[in-house]
Amino acid sequence: MADPWITIKPLRRKNIPEIIIDKAGQVFIDGEPYRENDPRYRNLSVNIETHNKFNTGEETAKMLALQKEAEKGQTITVSESKDKNKSEQTTIKF
């Protein structure tokens, strides 16, 4: 587990395991790789989708630039991307 991305730690209940997801999409439970067929995890279902797109702040910078020229109540599309499996559109109302 070289590059943890998300860590879920129980605060009060001791019988809930610590779950770590790394940037590659691998899941670790209490430091061990998650295996769906392991009887210790029979009440646990994990489904991770991995995507190659990371937000590096371009959309935020574009939103701030559009804010200067937009009128109050106007809705503007900031970005739009289409894939064979999904479509994603970011709009903002000023």
N, C-alpha and C. Protein backbone atom coordinates (compact mmCIF):
# COMPACT_ATOMS: atom_id res chain seq x y z
N MET A 1 0.85 -1.17 0.00
CA MET A 1 0.00 0.00 0.00
C MET A 1 0.90 1.24 0.00
N ALA A 2 1.33 1.61 -1.18
CA ALA A 2 2.31 2.68 -1.30
C ALA A 2 1.68 4.07 -1.36
N ASP A 3 0.47 4.19 -1.91
CA ASP A 3 -0.09 5.51 -2.14
C ASP A 3 -1.55 5.58 -1.68
N PRO A 4 -1.82 5.66 -0.36
CA PRO A 4 -3.21 5.70 0.09
C PRO A 4 -3.93 6.95 -0.38
N TRP A 5 -5.20 6.78 -0.73
CA TRP A 5 -5.99 7.91 -1.22
C TRP A 5 -7.13 8.23 -0.26
N ILE A 6 -7.88 7.20 0.14
CA ILE A 6 -8.99 7.38 1.07
C ILE A 6 -8.80 6.40 2.23
N THR A 7 -8.94 6.90 3.46
CA THR A 7 -8.85 6.05 4.64
C THR A 7 -10.12 6.24 5.46
N ILE A 8 -10.76 5.14 5.79
CA ILE A 8 -11.97 5.17 6.62
C ILE A 8 -11.63 4.47 7.92
N LYS A 9 -11.68 5.23 9.02
CA LYS A 9 -11.33 4.70 10.34
C LYS A 9 -12.55 4.77 11.25
N PRO A 10 -12.83 3.69 11.97
CA PRO A 10 -13.94 3.75 12.94
C PRO A 10 -13.52 4.57 14.15
N LEU A 11 -14.44 5.35 14.68
CA LEU A 11 -14.13 6.17 15.85
C LEU A 11 -14.50 5.48 17.16
N ARG A 12 -15.69 4.90 17.21
CA ARG A 12 -16.16 4.36 18.48
C ARG A 12 -16.25 2.84 18.50
N ARG A 13 -16.76 2.25 17.45
CA ARG A 13 -16.98 0.80 17.44
C ARG A 13 -15.69 0.08 17.08
N LYS A 14 -15.30 -0.81 17.92
CA LYS A 14 -14.02 -1.52 17.75
C LYS A 14 -14.10 -2.67 16.76
N ASN A 15 -15.31 -3.17 16.45
CA ASN A 15 -15.42 -4.32 15.56
C ASN A 15 -15.54 -3.92 14.08
N ILE A 16 -15.40 -2.64 13.76
CA ILE A 16 -15.43 -2.18 12.37
C ILE A 16 -13.99 -2.01 11.90
N PRO A 17 -13.63 -2.60 10.76
CA PRO A 17 -12.24 -2.53 10.31
C PRO A 17 -11.89 -1.18 9.69
N GLU A 18 -10.59 -0.90 9.63
CA GLU A 18 -10.10 0.27 8.93
C GLU A 18 -10.02 -0.08 7.44
N ILE A 19 -10.58 0.79 6.59
CA ILE A 19 -10.60 0.55 5.15
C ILE A 19 -9.76 1.61 4.47
N ILE A 20 -8.83 1.18 3.62
CA ILE A 20 -7.96 2.09 2.88
C ILE A 20 -8.09 1.78 1.39
N ILE A 21 -8.27 2.83 0.59
CA ILE A 21 -8.32 2.70 -0.87
C ILE A 21 -7.14 3.50 -1.41
N ASP A 22 -6.32 2.85 -2.25
CA ASP A 22 -5.19 3.58 -2.81
C ASP A 22 -5.57 4.18 -4.16
N LYS A 23 -4.69 4.99 -4.73
CA LYS A 23 -5.00 5.70 -5.97
C LYS A 23 -5.15 4.77 -7.17
N ALA A 24 -4.66 3.55 -7.06
CA ALA A 24 -4.83 2.57 -8.13
C ALA A 24 -6.18 1.86 -8.03
N GLY A 25 -6.95 2.10 -6.96
CA GLY A 25 -8.25 1.48 -6.79
C GLY A 25 -8.23 0.20 -6.00
N GLN A 26 -7.10 -0.15 -5.41
CA GLN A 26 -7.02 -1.35 -4.58
C GLN A 26 -7.56 -1.04 -3.19
N VAL A 27 -8.25 -2.01 -2.59
CA VAL A 27 -8.87 -1.84 -1.28
C VAL A 27 -8.13 -2.70 -0.27
N PHE A 28 -7.82 -2.11 0.88
CA PHE A 28 -7.16 -2.82 1.96
C PHE A 28 -8.02 -2.70 3.21
N ILE A 29 -8.24 -3.82 3.88
CA ILE A 29 -9.01 -3.83 5.11
C ILE A 29 -8.08 -4.30 6.22
N ASP A 30 -7.90 -3.43 7.20
CA ASP A 30 -6.96 -3.67 8.31
C ASP A 30 -5.57 -4.02 7.77
N GLY A 31 -5.14 -3.35 6.72
CA GLY A 31 -3.80 -3.52 6.17
C GLY A 31 -3.62 -4.67 5.21
N GLU A 32 -4.65 -5.49 5.01
CA GLU A 32 -4.56 -6.63 4.11
C GLU A 32 -5.41 -6.37 2.86
N PRO A 33 -5.00 -6.87 1.70
CA PRO A 33 -5.82 -6.68 0.49
C PRO A 33 -7.20 -7.31 0.66
N TYR A 34 -8.23 -6.59 0.22
CA TYR A 34 -9.61 -7.09 0.29
C TYR A 34 -9.81 -8.22 -0.69
N ARG A 35 -10.34 -9.33 -0.20
CA ARG A 35 -10.69 -10.47 -1.04
C ARG A 35 -12.17 -10.76 -0.81
N GLU A 36 -12.94 -10.72 -1.88
CA GLU A 36 -14.38 -10.86 -1.80
C GLU A 36 -14.81 -12.19 -1.19
N ASN A 37 -14.06 -13.26 -1.41
CA ASN A 37 -14.44 -14.59 -0.92
C ASN A 37 -13.97 -14.89 0.50
N ASP A 38 -13.28 -13.97 1.12
CA ASP A 38 -12.80 -14.17 2.49
C ASP A 38 -14.00 -14.19 3.45
N PRO A 39 -14.16 -15.22 4.26
CA PRO A 39 -15.32 -15.30 5.16
C PRO A 39 -15.37 -14.18 6.20
N ARG A 40 -14.25 -13.54 6.49
CA ARG A 40 -14.26 -12.42 7.45
C ARG A 40 -15.03 -11.22 6.89
N TYR A 41 -15.15 -11.12 5.57
CA TYR A 41 -15.79 -9.97 4.93
C TYR A 41 -17.14 -10.34 4.32
N ARG A 42 -17.80 -11.38 4.82
CA ARG A 42 -19.05 -11.84 4.21
C ARG A 42 -20.16 -10.80 4.27
N ASN A 43 -20.14 -9.88 5.22
CA ASN A 43 -21.16 -8.83 5.32
C ASN A 43 -20.71 -7.51 4.69
N LEU A 44 -19.63 -7.55 3.96
CA LEU A 44 -19.05 -6.35 3.38
C LEU A 44 -19.01 -6.46 1.86
N SER A 45 -19.51 -5.45 1.19
CA SER A 45 -19.48 -5.42 -0.27
C SER A 45 -18.72 -4.17 -0.69
N VAL A 46 -17.70 -4.33 -1.53
CA VAL A 46 -16.88 -3.21 -1.97
C VAL A 46 -16.91 -3.16 -3.49
N ASN A 47 -17.23 -2.00 -4.04
CA ASN A 47 -17.23 -1.80 -5.48
C ASN A 47 -16.51 -0.48 -5.76
N ILE A 48 -15.37 -0.56 -6.44
CA ILE A 48 -14.56 0.62 -6.73
C ILE A 48 -14.48 0.80 -8.23
N GLU A 49 -14.83 2.00 -8.69
CA GLU A 49 -14.65 2.34 -10.10
C GLU A 49 -13.39 3.19 -10.20
N THR A 50 -12.55 2.89 -11.16
CA THR A 50 -11.35 3.69 -11.34
C THR A 50 -11.46 4.49 -12.62
N HIS A 51 -11.04 5.73 -12.55
CA HIS A 51 -11.05 6.63 -13.70
C HIS A 51 -9.67 7.26 -13.83
N ASN A 52 -9.32 7.63 -15.02
CA ASN A 52 -8.02 8.24 -15.27
C ASN A 52 -8.05 9.76 -15.14
N LYS A 53 -9.22 10.34 -14.94
CA LYS A 53 -9.34 11.79 -14.89
C LYS A 53 -9.24 12.28 -13.45
N PHE A 54 -8.34 13.18 -13.21
CA PHE A 54 -8.23 13.84 -11.91
C PHE A 54 -8.45 15.33 -12.12
N ASN A 55 -9.16 15.96 -11.23
CA ASN A 55 -9.39 17.39 -11.31
C ASN A 55 -8.14 18.12 -10.83
N THR A 56 -7.56 18.91 -11.70
CA THR A 56 -6.34 19.64 -11.33
C THR A 56 -6.60 21.12 -11.14
N GLY A 57 -7.87 21.51 -11.10
CA GLY A 57 -8.20 22.90 -10.82
C GLY A 57 -8.54 23.73 -12.05
N GLU A 58 -8.48 23.14 -13.25
CA GLU A 58 -8.79 23.93 -14.44
C GLU A 58 -10.25 24.39 -14.43
N GLU A 59 -11.15 23.48 -13.99
CA GLU A 59 -12.57 23.84 -13.96
C GLU A 59 -12.83 24.97 -12.96
N THR A 60 -12.16 24.93 -11.82
CA THR A 60 -12.34 25.98 -10.83
C THR A 60 -11.85 27.32 -11.37
N ALA A 61 -10.69 27.32 -12.02
CA ALA A 61 -10.17 28.56 -12.60
C ALA A 61 -11.11 29.09 -13.68
N LYS A 62 -11.67 28.19 -14.48
CA LYS A 62 -12.60 28.60 -15.53
C LYS A 62 -13.89 29.17 -14.92
N MET A 63 -14.36 28.57 -13.82
CA MET A 63 -15.56 29.08 -13.14
C MET A 63 -15.34 30.50 -12.62
N LEU A 64 -14.17 30.74 -12.05
CA LEU A 64 -13.87 32.09 -11.54
C LEU A 64 -13.78 33.10 -12.67
N ALA A 65 -13.23 32.70 -13.82
CA ALA A 65 -13.15 33.61 -14.96
C ALA A 65 -14.55 33.89 -15.53
N LEU A 66 -15.40 32.86 -15.60
CA LEU A 66 -16.75 33.05 -16.11
C LEU A 66 -17.60 33.89 -15.17
N GLN A 67 -17.29 33.85 -13.90
CA GLN A 67 -18.04 34.62 -12.91
C GLN A 67 -17.94 36.12 -13.18
N LYS A 68 -16.82 36.55 -13.70
CA LYS A 68 -16.60 37.98 -13.96
C LYS A 68 -17.47 38.50 -15.09
N GLU A 69 -17.78 37.65 -16.06
CA GLU A 69 -18.55 38.11 -17.22
C GLU A 69 -20.00 37.64 -17.21
N ALA A 70 -20.40 36.80 -16.27
CA ALA A 70 -21.76 36.27 -16.22
C ALA A 70 -22.70 37.25 -15.52
N GLU A 71 -23.96 37.20 -15.95
CA GLU A 71 -24.99 38.00 -15.31
C GLU A 71 -25.64 37.18 -14.20
N LYS A 72 -26.25 37.86 -13.22
CA LYS A 72 -26.89 37.16 -12.11
C LYS A 72 -28.05 36.31 -12.64
N GLY A 73 -28.08 35.02 -12.21
CA GLY A 73 -29.12 34.10 -12.63
C GLY A 73 -28.81 33.34 -13.91
N GLN A 74 -27.73 33.68 -14.57
CA GLN A 74 -27.35 33.02 -15.82
C GLN A 74 -26.71 31.66 -15.52
N THR A 75 -27.06 30.64 -16.32
CA THR A 75 -26.47 29.31 -16.20
C THR A 75 -25.52 29.08 -17.36
N ILE A 76 -24.28 28.70 -17.04
CA ILE A 76 -23.23 28.52 -18.05
C ILE A 76 -22.64 27.12 -17.90
N THR A 77 -22.39 26.47 -19.04
CA THR A 77 -21.71 25.18 -19.04
C THR A 77 -20.21 25.41 -18.96
N VAL A 78 -19.58 24.84 -17.95
CA VAL A 78 -18.14 25.02 -17.74
C VAL A 78 -17.35 23.97 -18.53
N SER A 79 -17.79 22.73 -18.45
CA SER A 79 -17.10 21.67 -19.20
C SER A 79 -18.09 20.57 -19.55
N GLU A 80 -17.75 19.82 -20.60
CA GLU A 80 -18.60 18.73 -21.04
C GLU A 80 -17.72 17.64 -21.62
N SER A 81 -17.95 16.41 -21.20
CA SER A 81 -17.19 15.29 -21.75
C SER A 81 -18.13 14.11 -21.95
N LYS A 82 -17.90 13.39 -23.04
CA LYS A 82 -18.72 12.23 -23.36
C LYS A 82 -17.81 11.05 -23.62
N ASP A 83 -18.24 9.91 -23.12
CA ASP A 83 -17.52 8.65 -23.28
C ASP A 83 -18.55 7.64 -23.77
N LYS A 84 -18.08 6.48 -24.18
CA LYS A 84 -19.05 5.49 -24.65
C LYS A 84 -19.95 4.98 -23.52
N ASN A 85 -19.50 5.08 -22.28
CA ASN A 85 -20.28 4.58 -21.14
C ASN A 85 -20.97 5.67 -20.34
N LYS A 86 -20.50 6.90 -20.45
CA LYS A 86 -21.07 7.95 -19.61
C LYS A 86 -20.93 9.31 -20.28
N SER A 87 -21.70 10.24 -19.75
CA SER A 87 -21.63 11.63 -20.20
C SER A 87 -21.57 12.50 -18.95
N GLU A 88 -20.69 13.50 -18.97
CA GLU A 88 -20.51 14.35 -17.79
C GLU A 88 -20.53 15.81 -18.23
N GLN A 89 -21.29 16.62 -17.51
CA GLN A 89 -21.39 18.04 -17.82
C GLN A 89 -21.36 18.82 -16.52
N THR A 90 -20.54 19.87 -16.49
CA THR A 90 -20.45 20.74 -15.31
C THR A 90 -21.05 22.09 -15.68
N THR A 91 -22.13 22.46 -14.98
CA THR A 91 -22.76 23.75 -15.20
C THR A 91 -22.80 24.50 -13.88
N ILE A 92 -22.86 25.81 -13.99
CA ILE A 92 -22.93 26.64 -12.78
C ILE A 92 -23.91 27.78 -13.03
N LYS A 93 -24.69 28.07 -12.01
CA LYS A 93 -25.65 29.18 -12.09
C LYS A 93 -25.11 30.30 -11.22
N PHE A 94 -24.98 31.46 -11.81
CA PHE A 94 -24.44 32.61 -11.11
C PHE A 94 -25.54 33.47 -10.52
